[in-house]
Amino acid sequence: MIIAGEADIINVGILPEYRGNGIGNMLMDAMIDECKKNSVTCVHLEVRKSNSVAISLYEKYGFYRMRCCNRYSYESRRKRRLA
């Protein structure tokens, strides 16, 4: 969802039998490209604390932990890259 230059990633999932094939990277690349096309400067997402694979992927793409509730909330550091 994109509103006023910010994007919220609601839900992302990859079936277990397809994990480890770079699909997460492809999805992240496509999401970043879409954000660039729509002049997004900030991306927010939430992830379960227990999902270390997803957390590693998001951190690889420059996301960082903002706050902790029942889930971690991450935001993109790549404001300049997305703009």
C-alpha atoms as a PDB file:
ATOM      1  CA  MET A   1       0.000   0.000   0.000  1.00  0.00           C
ATOM      2  CA  ILE A   2       1.432   3.409  -0.971  1.00  0.00           C
ATOM      3  CA  ILE A   3       0.198   6.625   0.611  1.00  0.00           C
ATOM      4  CA  ALA A   4       1.855  10.067   0.567  1.00  0.00           C
ATOM      5  CA  GLY A   5       5.309   8.820  -0.406  1.00  0.00           C
ATOM      6  CA  GLU A   6       5.332   5.960   2.087  1.00  0.00           C
ATOM      7  CA  ALA A   7       4.750   2.257   1.486  1.00  0.00           C
ATOM      8  CA  ASP A   8       3.549  -0.395   3.909  1.00  0.00           C
ATOM      9  CA  ILE A   9       4.367  -4.012   3.153  1.00  0.00           C
ATOM     10  CA  ILE A  10       1.373  -5.886   4.539  1.00  0.00           C
ATOM     11  CA  ASN A  11       2.243  -9.526   3.962  1.00  0.00           C
ATOM     12  CA  VAL A  12       4.927 -11.490   2.116  1.00  0.00           C
ATOM     13  CA  GLY A  13       5.284 -15.242   2.027  1.00  0.00           C
ATOM     14  CA  ILE A  14       7.113 -17.898   0.051  1.00  0.00           C
ATOM     15  CA  LEU A  15       5.964 -21.502   0.099  1.00  0.00           C
ATOM     16  CA  PRO A  16       8.484 -23.757   1.862  1.00  0.00           C
ATOM     17  CA  GLU A  17       9.224 -25.774  -1.263  1.00  0.00           C
ATOM     18  CA  TYR A  18      10.335 -22.586  -3.088  1.00  0.00           C
ATOM     19  CA  ARG A  19      12.499 -21.079  -0.328  1.00  0.00           C
ATOM     20  CA  GLY A  20      16.232 -20.787  -0.899  1.00  0.00           C
ATOM     21  CA  ASN A  21      15.881 -20.071  -4.616  1.00  0.00           C
ATOM     22  CA  GLY A  22      16.309 -16.276  -4.499  1.00  0.00           C
ATOM     23  CA  ILE A  23      12.585 -15.533  -4.710  1.00  0.00           C
ATOM     24  CA  GLY A  24      12.751 -13.281  -1.637  1.00  0.00           C
ATOM     25  CA  ASN A  25      15.479 -11.226  -3.319  1.00  0.00           C
ATOM     26  CA  MET A  26      13.432 -11.005  -6.513  1.00  0.00           C
ATOM     27  CA  LEU A  27      10.388  -9.833  -4.553  1.00  0.00           C
ATOM     28  CA  MET A  28      12.423  -7.226  -2.675  1.00  0.00           C
ATOM     29  CA  ASP A  29      13.972  -5.955  -5.928  1.00  0.00           C
ATOM     30  CA  ALA A  30      10.530  -5.715  -7.558  1.00  0.00           C
ATOM     31  CA  MET A  31       9.104  -3.927  -4.505  1.00  0.00           C
ATOM     32  CA  ILE A  32      11.952  -1.408  -4.488  1.00  0.00           C
ATOM     33  CA  ASP A  33      11.533  -0.794  -8.230  1.00  0.00           C
ATOM     34  CA  GLU A  34       7.791  -0.230  -7.756  1.00  0.00           C
ATOM     35  CA  CYS A  35       8.479   2.173  -4.899  1.00  0.00           C
ATOM     36  CA  LYS A  36      10.905   4.142  -7.069  1.00  0.00           C
ATOM     37  CA  LYS A  37       8.284   4.402  -9.825  1.00  0.00           C
ATOM     38  CA  ASN A  38       5.810   5.799  -7.292  1.00  0.00           C
ATOM     39  CA  SER A  39       8.216   8.276  -5.639  1.00  0.00           C
ATOM     40  CA  VAL A  40       8.186   6.377  -2.336  1.00  0.00           C
ATOM     41  CA  THR A  41      10.781   7.658   0.120  1.00  0.00           C
ATOM     42  CA  CYS A  42      10.086   5.352   3.075  1.00  0.00           C
ATOM     43  CA  VAL A  43       8.960   1.722   3.390  1.00  0.00           C
ATOM     44  CA  HIS A  44       7.502   0.133   6.541  1.00  0.00           C
ATOM     45  CA  LEU A  45       6.989  -3.559   7.235  1.00  0.00           C
ATOM     46  CA  GLU A  46       6.420  -5.883  10.161  1.00  0.00           C
ATOM     47  CA  VAL A  47       7.926  -9.297  10.751  1.00  0.00           C
ATOM     48  CA  ARG A  48       7.643 -11.887  13.488  1.00  0.00           C
ATOM     49  CA  LYS A  49      10.546 -11.926  15.942  1.00  0.00           C
ATOM     50  CA  SER A  50      10.981 -15.628  15.230  1.00  0.00           C
ATOM     51  CA  ASN A  51      11.380 -15.154  11.458  1.00  0.00           C
ATOM     52  CA  SER A  52      15.167 -14.795  11.385  1.00  0.00           C
ATOM     53  CA  VAL A  53      15.378 -15.599   7.655  1.00  0.00           C
ATOM     54  CA  ALA A  54      13.042 -12.712   6.742  1.00  0.00           C
ATOM     55  CA  ILE A  55      14.776 -10.365   9.201  1.00  0.00           C
ATOM     56  CA  SER A  56      18.140 -11.168   7.583  1.00  0.00           C
ATOM     57  CA  LEU A  57      16.682 -10.495   4.133  1.00  0.00           C
ATOM     58  CA  TYR A  58      15.183  -7.153   5.165  1.00  0.00           C
ATOM     59  CA  GLU A  59      18.402  -6.062   6.879  1.00  0.00           C
ATOM     60  CA  LYS A  60      20.354  -7.026   3.751  1.00  0.00           C
ATOM     61  CA  TYR A  61      18.164  -4.548   1.868  1.00  0.00           C
ATOM     62  CA  GLY A  62      18.872  -1.759   4.350  1.00  0.00           C
ATOM     63  CA  PHE A  63      15.854  -2.080   6.621  1.00  0.00           C
ATOM     64  CA  TYR A  64      16.371  -1.584  10.327  1.00  0.00           C
ATOM     65  CA  ARG A  65      14.403  -2.210  13.501  1.00  0.00           C
ATOM     66  CA  MET A  66      12.217   0.708  14.546  1.00  0.00           C
ATOM     67  CA  ARG A  67      10.271  -0.627  17.510  1.00  0.00           C
ATOM     68  CA  CYS A  68       9.213  -3.880  19.063  1.00  0.00           C
ATOM     69  CA  CYS A  69       5.679  -4.950  19.830  1.00  0.00           C
ATOM     70  CA  ASN A  70       4.535  -8.487  19.176  1.00  0.00           C
ATOM     71  CA  ARG A  71       6.503  -8.189  15.963  1.00  0.00           C
ATOM     72  CA  TYR A  72       9.504  -6.185  14.886  1.00  0.00           C
ATOM     73  CA  SER A  73       8.703  -3.131  12.840  1.00  0.00           C
ATOM     74  CA  TYR A  74      11.272  -2.321  10.187  1.00  0.00           C
ATOM     75  CA  GLU A  75      11.806   0.751   8.047  1.00  0.00           C
ATOM     76  CA  SER A  76      14.009   1.289   5.025  1.00  0.00           C
ATOM     77  CA  ARG A  77      17.275   3.190   5.432  1.00  0.00           C
ATOM     78  CA  ARG A  78      17.395   3.543   1.689  1.00  0.00           C
ATOM     79  CA  LYS A  79      15.477   6.804   1.454  1.00  0.00           C
ATOM     80  CA  ARG A  80      18.004   8.196  -1.014  1.00  0.00           C
ATOM     81  CA  ARG A  81      17.974   5.014  -3.097  1.00  0.00           C
ATOM     82  CA  LEU A  82      14.188   4.891  -3.198  1.00  0.00           C
ATOM     83  CA  ALA A  83      13.791   8.584  -4.038  1.00  0.00           C
END
